[in-house]
Amino acid sequence: MAKTLEGVVEKIEEGALKGQLLATMRSGEVEVTFDLIRDVMNFKKGEKLRIHITEEKPKDLDRFDFCGHGYLVNEESQTGMTLFSIWGILFKFTPPIGLQADRKYYLCIEKA
């Protein structure tokens, strides 16, 4: 399974937690909202990003601005979204993107 989403960061806003920032990107019909940790990933509103999701570890890690592995947090069919966690950094995809429970996925982001 490999999936690539490409889009523009539409907004960056404060989250419900103190100091939390949320970035929102749209790729076709899929909206992606994720925790923006400035020390780990430094994306800005208006930047074009590519998000790559795969079960295999990418061989060319140096080309990415952010890369990590994580797991599906929810049952997509019950919630109507994909909630994916990498080291506690949450990525929400609406509608679901078809990840499987109990599988490790790599999510890597590069500026396009």
PDB file of N, CA and C in Angstrom:
ATOM      1  N   MET A   1       0.847  -1.183   0.000  1.00  0.00           N
ATOM      2  CA  MET A   1       0.000   0.000   0.000  1.00  0.00           C
ATOM      3  C   MET A   1       0.886   1.238   0.000  1.00  0.00           C
ATOM      4  N   ALA A   2       0.700   2.076  -0.951  1.00  0.00           N
ATOM      5  CA  ALA A   2       1.400   3.359  -0.995  1.00  0.00           C
ATOM      6  C   ALA A   2       0.395   4.420  -1.417  1.00  0.00           C
ATOM      7  N   LYS A   3       0.450   5.539  -0.769  1.00  0.00           N
ATOM      8  CA  LYS A   3      -0.477   6.633  -1.067  1.00  0.00           C
ATOM      9  C   LYS A   3       0.294   7.944  -1.008  1.00  0.00           C
ATOM     10  N   THR A   4       0.029   8.810  -1.976  1.00  0.00           N
ATOM     11  CA  THR A   4       0.638  10.137  -1.977  1.00  0.00           C
ATOM     12  C   THR A   4      -0.467  11.172  -2.084  1.00  0.00           C
ATOM     13  N   LEU A   5      -0.434  12.144  -1.187  1.00  0.00           N
ATOM     14  CA  LEU A   5      -1.369  13.267  -1.202  1.00  0.00           C
ATOM     15  C   LEU A   5      -0.564  14.532  -1.424  1.00  0.00           C
ATOM     16  N   GLU A   6      -1.031  15.380  -2.301  1.00  0.00           N
ATOM     17  CA  GLU A   6      -0.339  16.633  -2.588  1.00  0.00           C
ATOM     18  C   GLU A   6      -1.322  17.779  -2.468  1.00  0.00           C
ATOM     19  N   GLY A   7      -0.897  18.833  -1.793  1.00  0.00           N
ATOM     20  CA  GLY A   7      -1.776  19.982  -1.626  1.00  0.00           C
ATOM     21  C   GLY A   7      -1.050  21.152  -0.990  1.00  0.00           C
ATOM     22  N   VAL A   8      -1.822  22.179  -0.718  1.00  0.00           N
ATOM     23  CA  VAL A   8      -1.290  23.426  -0.152  1.00  0.00           C
ATOM     24  C   VAL A   8      -1.783  23.568   1.281  1.00  0.00           C
ATOM     25  N   VAL A   9      -0.897  24.022   2.159  1.00  0.00           N
ATOM     26  CA  VAL A   9      -1.290  24.304   3.537  1.00  0.00           C
ATOM     27  C   VAL A   9      -2.248  25.501   3.488  1.00  0.00           C
ATOM     28  N   GLU A  10      -3.519  25.242   3.793  1.00  0.00           N
ATOM     29  CA  GLU A  10      -4.545  26.280   3.707  1.00  0.00           C
ATOM     30  C   GLU A  10      -4.599  27.172   4.933  1.00  0.00           C
ATOM     31  N   LYS A  11      -4.322  26.586   6.101  1.00  0.00           N
ATOM     32  CA  LYS A  11      -4.352  27.398   7.319  1.00  0.00           C
ATOM     33  C   LYS A  11      -3.508  26.768   8.405  1.00  0.00           C
ATOM     34  N   ILE A  12      -3.055  27.628   9.292  1.00  0.00           N
ATOM     35  CA  ILE A  12      -2.359  27.223  10.506  1.00  0.00           C
ATOM     36  C   ILE A  12      -3.039  27.989  11.635  1.00  0.00           C
ATOM     37  N   GLU A  13      -3.530  27.244  12.617  1.00  0.00           N
ATOM     38  CA  GLU A  13      -4.272  27.886  13.701  1.00  0.00           C
ATOM     39  C   GLU A  13      -3.934  27.247  15.032  1.00  0.00           C
ATOM     40  N   GLU A  14      -4.257  27.947  16.097  1.00  0.00           N
ATOM     41  CA  GLU A  14      -4.020  27.432  17.434  1.00  0.00           C
ATOM     42  C   GLU A  14      -5.005  26.310  17.715  1.00  0.00           C
ATOM     43  N   GLY A  15      -4.516  25.283  18.400  1.00  0.00           N
ATOM     44  CA  GLY A  15      -5.372  24.180  18.814  1.00  0.00           C
ATOM     45  C   GLY A  15      -5.959  24.442  20.186  1.00  0.00           C
ATOM     46  N   ALA A  16      -6.625  23.441  20.733  1.00  0.00           N
ATOM     47  CA  ALA A  16      -7.269  23.574  22.035  1.00  0.00           C
ATOM     48  C   ALA A  16      -6.263  23.576  23.184  1.00  0.00           C
ATOM     49  N   LEU A  17      -5.089  22.998  22.970  1.00  0.00           N
ATOM     50  CA  LEU A  17      -4.076  22.946  24.011  1.00  0.00           C
ATOM     51  C   LEU A  17      -3.144  24.148  23.924  1.00  0.00           C
ATOM     52  N   LYS A  18      -2.639  24.588  25.056  1.00  0.00           N
ATOM     53  CA  LYS A  18      -1.739  25.738  25.084  1.00  0.00           C
ATOM     54  C   LYS A  18      -0.496  25.443  24.244  1.00  0.00           C
ATOM     55  N   GLY A  19      -0.178  26.323  23.313  1.00  0.00           N
ATOM     56  CA  GLY A  19       0.992  26.190  22.463  1.00  0.00           C
ATOM     57  C   GLY A  19       0.814  25.263  21.276  1.00  0.00           C
ATOM     58  N   GLN A  20      -0.345  24.636  21.153  1.00  0.00           N
ATOM     59  CA  GLN A  20      -0.595  23.702  20.049  1.00  0.00           C
ATOM     60  C   GLN A  20      -0.925  24.461  18.767  1.00  0.00           C
ATOM     61  N   LEU A  21      -0.311  24.036  17.672  1.00  0.00           N
ATOM     62  CA  LEU A  21      -0.637  24.556  16.351  1.00  0.00           C
ATOM     63  C   LEU A  21      -1.147  23.420  15.484  1.00  0.00           C
ATOM     64  N   LEU A  22      -2.173  23.707  14.691  1.00  0.00           N
ATOM     65  CA  LEU A  22      -2.728  22.735  13.754  1.00  0.00           C
ATOM     66  C   LEU A  22      -2.608  23.267  12.340  1.00  0.00           C
ATOM     67  N   ALA A  23      -2.106  22.444  11.444  1.00  0.00           N
ATOM     68  CA  ALA A  23      -2.022  22.799  10.029  1.00  0.00           C
ATOM     69  C   ALA A  23      -3.098  22.022   9.286  1.00  0.00           C
ATOM     70  N   THR A  24      -3.699  22.661   8.286  1.00  0.00           N
ATOM     71  CA  THR A  24      -4.713  22.009   7.463  1.00  0.00           C
ATOM     72  C   THR A  24      -4.306  22.116   6.008  1.00  0.00           C
ATOM     73  N   MET A  25      -4.349  20.977   5.326  1.00  0.00           N
ATOM     74  CA  MET A  25      -3.993  20.875   3.912  1.00  0.00           C
ATOM     75  C   MET A  25      -5.110  20.124   3.209  1.00  0.00           C
ATOM     76  N   ARG A  26      -5.371  20.464   1.960  1.00  0.00           N
ATOM     77  CA  ARG A  26      -6.372  19.751   1.170  1.00  0.00           C
ATOM     78  C   ARG A  26      -5.697  19.143  -0.041  1.00  0.00           C
ATOM     79  N   SER A  27      -6.046  17.861  -0.306  1.00  0.00           N
ATOM     80  CA  SER A  27      -5.562  17.140  -1.480  1.00  0.00           C
ATOM     81  C   SER A  27      -6.782  16.524  -2.150  1.00  0.00           C
ATOM     82  N   GLY A  28      -7.303  17.206  -3.167  1.00  0.00           N
ATOM     83  CA  GLY A  28      -8.544  16.737  -3.793  1.00  0.00           C
ATOM     84  C   GLY A  28      -9.661  16.772  -2.776  1.00  0.00           C
ATOM     85  N   GLU A  29     -10.318  15.623  -2.566  1.00  0.00           N
ATOM     86  CA  GLU A  29     -11.418  15.544  -1.608  1.00  0.00           C
ATOM     87  C   GLU A  29     -10.948  15.290  -0.178  1.00  0.00           C
ATOM     88  N   VAL A  30      -9.667  15.029   0.005  1.00  0.00           N
ATOM     89  CA  VAL A  30      -9.151  14.673   1.329  1.00  0.00           C
ATOM     90  C   VAL A  30      -8.623  15.911   2.047  1.00  0.00           C
ATOM     91  N   GLU A  31      -9.125  16.136   3.258  1.00  0.00           N
ATOM     92  CA  GLU A  31      -8.595  17.196   4.110  1.00  0.00           C
ATOM     93  C   GLU A  31      -7.689  16.541   5.146  1.00  0.00           C
ATOM     94  N   VAL A  32      -6.493  17.096   5.312  1.00  0.00           N
ATOM     95  CA  VAL A  32      -5.522  16.582   6.272  1.00  0.00           C
ATOM     96  C   VAL A  32      -5.267  17.667   7.311  1.00  0.00           C
ATOM     97  N   THR A  33      -5.466  17.326   8.564  1.00  0.00           N
ATOM     98  CA  THR A  33      -5.162  18.237   9.666  1.00  0.00           C
ATOM     99  C   THR A  33      -4.134  17.539  10.544  1.00  0.00           C
ATOM    100  N   PHE A  34      -3.071  18.265  10.896  1.00  0.00           N
ATOM    101  CA  PHE A  34      -2.030  17.629  11.710  1.00  0.00           C
ATOM    102  C   PHE A  34      -1.407  18.619  12.674  1.00  0.00           C
ATOM    103  N   ASP A  35      -0.899  18.042  13.782  1.00  0.00           N
ATOM    104  CA  ASP A  35      -0.168  18.836  14.764  1.00  0.00           C
ATOM    105  C   ASP A  35       1.089  19.364  14.101  1.00  0.00           C
ATOM    106  N   LEU A  36       1.322  20.642  14.262  1.00  0.00           N
ATOM    107  CA  LEU A  36       2.502  21.269  13.676  1.00  0.00           C
ATOM    108  C   LEU A  36       3.494  21.549  14.797  1.00  0.00           C
ATOM    109  N   ILE A  37       4.527  20.747  14.846  1.00  0.00           N
ATOM    110  CA  ILE A  37       5.561  20.885  15.868  1.00  0.00           C
ATOM    111  C   ILE A  37       6.723  21.642  15.228  1.00  0.00           C
ATOM    112  N   ARG A  38       6.855  22.911  15.528  1.00  0.00           N
ATOM    113  CA  ARG A  38       7.829  23.780  14.848  1.00  0.00           C
ATOM    114  C   ARG A  38       9.270  23.282  14.967  1.00  0.00           C
ATOM    115  N   ASP A  39       9.609  22.611  16.064  1.00  0.00           N
ATOM    116  CA  ASP A  39      10.970  22.100  16.218  1.00  0.00           C
ATOM    117  C   ASP A  39      11.230  20.887  15.326  1.00  0.00           C
ATOM    118  N   VAL A  40      10.167  20.234  14.879  1.00  0.00           N
ATOM    119  CA  VAL A  40      10.292  19.016  14.086  1.00  0.00           C
ATOM    120  C   VAL A  40       9.953  19.263  12.621  1.00  0.00           C
ATOM    121  N   MET A  41       8.914  20.051  12.377  1.00  0.00           N
ATOM    122  CA  MET A  41       8.490  20.343  11.004  1.00  0.00           C
ATOM    123  C   MET A  41       8.096  21.814  10.922  1.00  0.00           C
ATOM    124  N   ASN A  42       8.673  22.522   9.990  1.00  0.00           N
ATOM    125  CA  ASN A  42       8.469  23.960   9.892  1.00  0.00           C
ATOM    126  C   ASN A  42       7.777  24.303   8.572  1.00  0.00           C
ATOM    127  N   PHE A  43       6.471  24.103   8.532  1.00  0.00           N
ATOM    128  CA  PHE A  43       5.692  24.405   7.334  1.00  0.00           C
ATOM    129  C   PHE A  43       4.905  25.687   7.550  1.00  0.00           C
ATOM    130  N   LYS A  44       4.624  26.385   6.453  1.00  0.00           N
ATOM    131  CA  LYS A  44       3.934  27.665   6.516  1.00  0.00           C
ATOM    132  C   LYS A  44       2.681  27.638   5.648  1.00  0.00           C
ATOM    133  N   LYS A  45       1.744  28.518   5.967  1.00  0.00           N
ATOM    134  CA  LYS A  45       0.542  28.662   5.162  1.00  0.00           C
ATOM    135  C   LYS A  45       0.946  29.009   3.723  1.00  0.00           C
ATOM    136  N   GLY A  46       0.303  28.346   2.758  1.00  0.00           N
ATOM    137  CA  GLY A  46       0.582  28.592   1.348  1.00  0.00           C
ATOM    138  C   GLY A  46       1.628  27.661   0.753  1.00  0.00           C
ATOM    139  N   GLU A  47       2.366  26.922   1.593  1.00  0.00           N
ATOM    140  CA  GLU A  47       3.370  25.998   1.068  1.00  0.00           C
ATOM    141  C   GLU A  47       2.703  24.754   0.484  1.00  0.00           C
ATOM    142  N   LYS A  48       3.278  24.274  -0.602  1.00  0.00           N
ATOM    143  CA  LYS A  48       2.793  23.059  -1.244  1.00  0.00           C
ATOM    144  C   LYS A  48       3.560  21.872  -0.658  1.00  0.00           C
ATOM    145  N   LEU A  49       2.807  20.854  -0.195  1.00  0.00           N
ATOM    146  CA  LEU A  49       3.413  19.688   0.435  1.00  0.00           C
ATOM    147  C   LEU A  49       2.983  18.410  -0.264  1.00  0.00           C
ATOM    148  N   ARG A  50       3.830  17.396  -0.165  1.00  0.00           N
ATOM    149  CA  ARG A  50       3.489  16.033  -0.572  1.00  0.00           C
ATOM    150  C   ARG A  50       3.604  15.148   0.661  1.00  0.00           C
ATOM    151  N   ILE A  51       2.544  14.403   0.949  1.00  0.00           N
ATOM    152  CA  ILE A  51       2.554  13.444   2.049  1.00  0.00           C
ATOM    153  C   ILE A  51       2.574  12.057   1.432  1.00  0.00           C
ATOM    154  N   HIS A  52       3.580  11.283   1.784  1.00  0.00           N
ATOM    155  CA  HIS A  52       3.734   9.914   1.289  1.00  0.00           C
ATOM    156  C   HIS A  52       3.460   8.959   2.450  1.00  0.00           C
ATOM    157  N   ILE A  53       2.599   7.969   2.215  1.00  0.00           N
ATOM    158  CA  ILE A  53       2.298   6.963   3.227  1.00  0.00           C
ATOM    159  C   ILE A  53       2.559   5.598   2.609  1.00  0.00           C
ATOM    160  N   THR A  54       3.380   4.801   3.288  1.00  0.00           N
ATOM    161  CA  THR A  54       3.749   3.495   2.765  1.00  0.00           C
ATOM    162  C   THR A  54       4.036   2.538   3.913  1.00  0.00           C
ATOM    163  N   GLU A  55       3.953   1.257   3.638  1.00  0.00           N
ATOM    164  CA  GLU A  55       4.276   0.254   4.651  1.00  0.00           C
ATOM    165  C   GLU A  55       5.775  -0.033   4.688  1.00  0.00           C
ATOM    166  N   GLU A  56       6.475   0.340   3.648  1.00  0.00           N
ATOM    167  CA  GLU A  56       7.910   0.087   3.582  1.00  0.00           C
ATOM    168  C   GLU A  56       8.683   1.365   3.897  1.00  0.00           C
ATOM    169  N   LYS A  57       9.767   1.214   4.644  1.00  0.00           N
ATOM    170  CA  LYS A  57      10.598   2.357   4.987  1.00  0.00           C
ATOM    171  C   LYS A  57      11.229   2.934   3.717  1.00  0.00           C
ATOM    172  N   PRO A  58      11.044   4.237   3.470  1.00  0.00           N
ATOM    173  CA  PRO A  58      11.652   4.850   2.279  1.00  0.00           C
ATOM    174  C   PRO A  58      13.178   4.755   2.325  1.00  0.00           C
ATOM    175  N   LYS A  59      13.771   4.505   1.184  1.00  0.00           N
ATOM    176  CA  LYS A  59      15.225   4.385   1.095  1.00  0.00           C
ATOM    177  C   LYS A  59      15.916   5.755   1.058  1.00  0.00           C
ATOM    178  N   ASP A  60      15.200   6.775   0.603  1.00  0.00           N
ATOM    179  CA  ASP A  60      15.760   8.117   0.418  1.00  0.00           C
ATOM    180  C   ASP A  60      15.244   9.094   1.478  1.00  0.00           C
ATOM    181  N   LEU A  61      15.460   8.776   2.735  1.00  0.00           N
ATOM    182  CA  LEU A  61      14.931   9.580   3.843  1.00  0.00           C
ATOM    183  C   LEU A  61      15.412  11.030   3.820  1.00  0.00           C
ATOM    184  N   ASP A  62      16.592  11.287   3.299  1.00  0.00           N
ATOM    185  CA  ASP A  62      17.157  12.636   3.309  1.00  0.00           C
ATOM    186  C   ASP A  62      16.345  13.643   2.506  1.00  0.00           C
ATOM    187  N   ARG A  63      15.530  13.177   1.579  1.00  0.00           N
ATOM    188  CA  ARG A  63      14.780  14.125   0.751  1.00  0.00           C
ATOM    189  C   ARG A  63      13.554  14.696   1.459  1.00  0.00           C
ATOM    190  N   PHE A  64      13.167  14.104   2.582  1.00  0.00           N
ATOM    191  CA  PHE A  64      11.950  14.524   3.274  1.00  0.00           C
ATOM    192  C   PHE A  64      12.243  15.559   4.355  1.00  0.00           C
ATOM    193  N   ASP A  65      11.271  16.449   4.564  1.00  0.00           N
ATOM    194  CA  ASP A  65      11.355  17.443   5.636  1.00  0.00           C
ATOM    195  C   ASP A  65      10.927  16.841   6.971  1.00  0.00           C
ATOM    196  N   PHE A  66      10.116  15.802   6.911  1.00  0.00           N
ATOM    197  CA  PHE A  66       9.655  15.089   8.106  1.00  0.00           C
ATOM    198  C   PHE A  66       9.349  13.657   7.699  1.00  0.00           C
ATOM    199  N   CYS A  67       9.731  12.699   8.546  1.00  0.00           N
ATOM    200  CA  CYS A  67       9.428  11.303   8.267  1.00  0.00           C
ATOM    201  C   CYS A  67       9.379  10.544   9.586  1.00  0.00           C
ATOM    202  N   GLY A  68       8.389   9.685   9.723  1.00  0.00           N
ATOM    203  CA  GLY A  68       8.290   8.869  10.923  1.00  0.00           C
ATOM    204  C   GLY A  68       7.364   7.696  10.665  1.00  0.00           C
ATOM    205  N   HIS A  69       7.326   6.781  11.616  1.00  0.00           N
ATOM    206  CA  HIS A  69       6.412   5.654  11.467  1.00  0.00           C
ATOM    207  C   HIS A  69       5.426   5.653  12.620  1.00  0.00           C
ATOM    208  N   GLY A  70       4.236   5.142  12.334  1.00  0.00           N
ATOM    209  CA  GLY A  70       3.192   5.126  13.342  1.00  0.00           C
ATOM    210  C   GLY A  70       2.086   4.171  12.971  1.00  0.00           C
ATOM    211  N   TYR A  71       0.969   4.338  13.663  1.00  0.00           N
ATOM    212  CA  TYR A  71      -0.131   3.392  13.546  1.00  0.00           C
ATOM    213  C   TYR A  71      -1.481   4.097  13.484  1.00  0.00           C
ATOM    214  N   LEU A  72      -2.443   3.403  12.911  1.00  0.00           N
ATOM    215  CA  LEU A  72      -3.829   3.851  12.892  1.00  0.00           C
ATOM    216  C   LEU A  72      -4.356   3.849  14.317  1.00  0.00           C
ATOM    217  N   VAL A  73      -5.073   4.900  14.705  1.00  0.00           N
ATOM    218  CA  VAL A  73      -5.565   5.038  16.069  1.00  0.00           C
ATOM    219  C   VAL A  73      -7.032   4.625  16.186  1.00  0.00           C
ATOM    220  N   ASN A  74      -7.777   4.675  15.100  1.00  0.00           N
ATOM    221  CA  ASN A  74      -9.220   4.471  15.167  1.00  0.00           C
ATOM    222  C   ASN A  74      -9.690   3.446  14.133  1.00  0.00           C
ATOM    223  N   GLU A  75     -10.954   3.072  14.252  1.00  0.00           N
ATOM    224  CA  GLU A  75     -11.610   2.256  13.225  1.00  0.00           C
ATOM    225  C   GLU A  75     -12.204   3.214  12.205  1.00  0.00           C
ATOM    226  N   GLU A  76     -11.631   3.257  11.014  1.00  0.00           N
ATOM    227  CA  GLU A  76     -12.056   4.216   9.996  1.00  0.00           C
ATOM    228  C   GLU A  76     -13.535   4.081   9.659  1.00  0.00           C
ATOM    229  N   SER A  77     -14.023   2.856   9.564  1.00  0.00           N
ATOM    230  CA  SER A  77     -15.413   2.645   9.161  1.00  0.00           C
ATOM    231  C   SER A  77     -16.404   3.175  10.190  1.00  0.00           C
ATOM    232  N   GLN A  78     -16.003   3.235  11.443  1.00  0.00           N
ATOM    233  CA  GLN A  78     -16.895   3.710  12.501  1.00  0.00           C
ATOM    234  C   GLN A  78     -16.857   5.222  12.684  1.00  0.00           C
ATOM    235  N   THR A  79     -15.732   5.851  12.342  1.00  0.00           N
ATOM    236  CA  THR A  79     -15.577   7.276  12.617  1.00  0.00           C
ATOM    237  C   THR A  79     -15.658   8.163  11.374  1.00  0.00           C
ATOM    238  N   GLY A  80     -15.532   7.572  10.180  1.00  0.00           N
ATOM    239  CA  GLY A  80     -15.583   8.369   8.951  1.00  0.00           C
ATOM    240  C   GLY A  80     -14.332   9.194   8.702  1.00  0.00           C
ATOM    241  N   MET A  81     -13.235   8.826   9.376  1.00  0.00           N
ATOM    242  CA  MET A  81     -11.962   9.522   9.192  1.00  0.00           C
ATOM    243  C   MET A  81     -10.831   8.564   9.524  1.00  0.00           C
ATOM    244  N   THR A  82      -9.614   8.950   9.145  1.00  0.00           N
ATOM    245  CA  THR A  82      -8.420   8.222   9.535  1.00  0.00           C
ATOM    246  C   THR A  82      -7.698   9.064  10.573  1.00  0.00           C
ATOM    247  N   LEU A  83      -7.421   8.490  11.727  1.00  0.00           N
ATOM    248  CA  LEU A  83      -6.626   9.158  12.751  1.00  0.00           C
ATOM    249  C   LEU A  83      -5.357   8.336  12.917  1.00  0.00           C
ATOM    250  N   PHE A  84      -4.224   8.963  12.610  1.00  0.00           N
ATOM    251  CA  PHE A  84      -2.931   8.282  12.535  1.00  0.00           C
ATOM    252  C   PHE A  84      -1.974   8.987  13.483  1.00  0.00           C
ATOM    253  N   SER A  85      -1.190   8.216  14.234  1.00  0.00           N
ATOM    254  CA  SER A  85      -0.283   8.804  15.217  1.00  0.00           C
ATOM    255  C   SER A  85       1.159   8.391  14.945  1.00  0.00           C
ATOM    256  N   ILE A  86       2.040   9.385  14.923  1.00  0.00           N
ATOM    257  CA  ILE A  86       3.485   9.162  14.859  1.00  0.00           C
ATOM    258  C   ILE A  86       4.069   9.793  16.118  1.00  0.00           C
ATOM    259  N   TRP A  87       4.528   8.975  17.048  1.00  0.00           N
ATOM    260  CA  TRP A  87       5.129   9.457  18.295  1.00  0.00           C
ATOM    261  C   TRP A  87       4.215  10.457  19.019  1.00  0.00           C
ATOM    262  N   GLY A  88       2.916  10.298  18.884  1.00  0.00           N
ATOM    263  CA  GLY A  88       1.971  11.212  19.518  1.00  0.00           C
ATOM    264  C   GLY A  88       1.574  12.397  18.659  1.00  0.00           C
ATOM    265  N   ILE A  89       2.232  12.605  17.526  1.00  0.00           N
ATOM    266  CA  ILE A  89       1.831  13.651  16.586  1.00  0.00           C
ATOM    267  C   ILE A  89       0.667  13.088  15.783  1.00  0.00           C
ATOM    268  N   LEU A  90      -0.485  13.753  15.838  1.00  0.00           N
ATOM    269  CA  LEU A  90      -1.692  13.234  15.196  1.00  0.00           C
ATOM    270  C   LEU A  90      -1.903  13.810  13.803  1.00  0.00           C
ATOM    271  N   PHE A  91      -2.321  12.943  12.894  1.00  0.00           N
ATOM    272  CA  PHE A  91      -2.703  13.301  11.537  1.00  0.00           C
ATOM    273  C   PHE A  91      -4.128  12.801  11.331  1.00  0.00           C
ATOM    274  N   LYS A  92      -5.019  13.704  10.941  1.00  0.00           N
ATOM    275  CA  LYS A  92      -6.421  13.349  10.719  1.00  0.00           C
ATOM    276  C   LYS A  92      -6.734  13.524   9.234  1.00  0.00           C
ATOM    277  N   PHE A  93      -7.235  12.458   8.604  1.00  0.00           N
ATOM    278  CA  PHE A  93      -7.589  12.467   7.192  1.00  0.00           C
ATOM    279  C   PHE A  93      -9.102  12.284   7.077  1.00  0.00           C
ATOM    280  N   THR A  94      -9.765  13.212   6.393  1.00  0.00           N
ATOM    281  CA  THR A  94     -11.206  13.131   6.194  1.00  0.00           C
ATOM    282  C   THR A  94     -11.498  13.317   4.713  1.00  0.00           C
ATOM    283  N   PRO A  95     -12.153  12.391   4.046  1.00  0.00           N
ATOM    284  CA  PRO A  95     -12.630  11.089   4.502  1.00  0.00           C
ATOM    285  C   PRO A  95     -11.466  10.118   4.719  1.00  0.00           C
ATOM    286  N   PRO A  96     -11.756   8.886   5.206  1.00  0.00           N
ATOM    287  CA  PRO A  96     -10.696   7.905   5.479  1.00  0.00           C
ATOM    288  C   PRO A  96      -9.878   7.590   4.232  1.00  0.00           C
ATOM    289  N   ILE A  97      -8.611   7.221   4.463  1.00  0.00           N
ATOM    290  CA  ILE A  97      -7.720   6.918   3.335  1.00  0.00           C
ATOM    291  C   ILE A  97      -7.398   5.432   3.213  1.00  0.00           C
ATOM    292  N   GLY A  98      -8.005   4.590   4.045  1.00  0.00           N
ATOM    293  CA  GLY A  98      -7.885   3.152   3.870  1.00  0.00           C
ATOM    294  C   GLY A  98      -6.701   2.483   4.521  1.00  0.00           C
ATOM    295  N   LEU A  99      -6.302   2.918   5.706  1.00  0.00           N
ATOM    296  CA  LEU A  99      -5.221   2.246   6.424  1.00  0.00           C
ATOM    297  C   LEU A  99      -5.780   1.055   7.202  1.00  0.00           C
ATOM    298  N   GLN A 100      -4.925   0.091   7.477  1.00  0.00           N
ATOM    299  CA  GLN A 100      -5.322  -1.121   8.194  1.00  0.00           C
ATOM    300  C   GLN A 100      -4.825  -1.068   9.634  1.00  0.00           C
ATOM    301  N   ALA A 101      -5.644  -1.589  10.542  1.00  0.00           N
ATOM    302  CA  ALA A 101      -5.251  -1.656  11.952  1.00  0.00           C
ATOM    303  C   ALA A 101      -4.086  -2.639  12.113  1.00  0.00           C
ATOM    304  N   ASP A 102      -3.286  -2.439  13.129  1.00  0.00           N
ATOM    305  CA  ASP A 102      -2.164  -3.315  13.478  1.00  0.00           C
ATOM    306  C   ASP A 102      -1.079  -3.399  12.414  1.00  0.00           C
ATOM    307  N   ARG A 103      -0.980  -2.398  11.573  1.00  0.00           N
ATOM    308  CA  ARG A 103       0.117  -2.322  10.599  1.00  0.00           C
ATOM    309  C   ARG A 103       0.894  -1.041  10.852  1.00  0.00           C
ATOM    310  N   LYS A 104       2.205  -1.146  10.705  1.00  0.00           N
ATOM    311  CA  LYS A 104       3.060   0.034  10.846  1.00  0.00           C
ATOM    312  C   LYS A 104       3.162   0.707   9.484  1.00  0.00           C
ATOM    313  N   TYR A 105       2.961   2.023   9.479  1.00  0.00           N
ATOM    314  CA  TYR A 105       3.077   2.811   8.259  1.00  0.00           C
ATOM    315  C   TYR A 105       4.127   3.896   8.447  1.00  0.00           C
ATOM    316  N   TYR A 106       4.777   4.248   7.364  1.00  0.00           N
ATOM    317  CA  TYR A 106       5.690   5.389   7.335  1.00  0.00           C
ATOM    318  C   TYR A 106       4.946   6.550   6.693  1.00  0.00           C
ATOM    319  N   LEU A 107       4.995   7.701   7.331  1.00  0.00           N
ATOM    320  CA  LEU A 107       4.402   8.918   6.788  1.00  0.00           C
ATOM    321  C   LEU A 107       5.540   9.916   6.652  1.00  0.00           C
ATOM    322  N   CYS A 108       5.776  10.352   5.415  1.00  0.00           N
ATOM    323  CA  CYS A 108       6.860  11.292   5.155  1.00  0.00           C
ATOM    324  C   CYS A 108       6.297  12.498   4.405  1.00  0.00           C
ATOM    325  N   ILE A 109       6.784  13.678   4.769  1.00  0.00           N
ATOM    326  CA  ILE A 109       6.314  14.918   4.146  1.00  0.00           C
ATOM    327  C   ILE A 109       7.501  15.617   3.510  1.00  0.00           C
ATOM    328  N   GLU A 110       7.281  16.096   2.292  1.00  0.00           N
ATOM    329  CA  GLU A 110       8.288  16.918   1.623  1.00  0.00           C
ATOM    330  C   GLU A 110       7.612  18.156   1.052  1.00  0.00           C
ATOM    331  N   LYS A 111       8.371  19.244   1.010  1.00  0.00           N
ATOM    332  CA  LYS A 111       7.878  20.452   0.360  1.00  0.00           C
ATOM    333  C   LYS A 111       7.978  20.227  -1.138  1.00  0.00           C
ATOM    334  N   ALA A 112       6.883  20.562  -1.830  1.00  0.00           N
ATOM    335  CA  ALA A 112       6.827  20.320  -3.290  1.00  0.00           C
ATOM    336  C   ALA A 112       7.347  21.506  -4.054  1.00  0.00           C
TER     337      ALA A 112
END
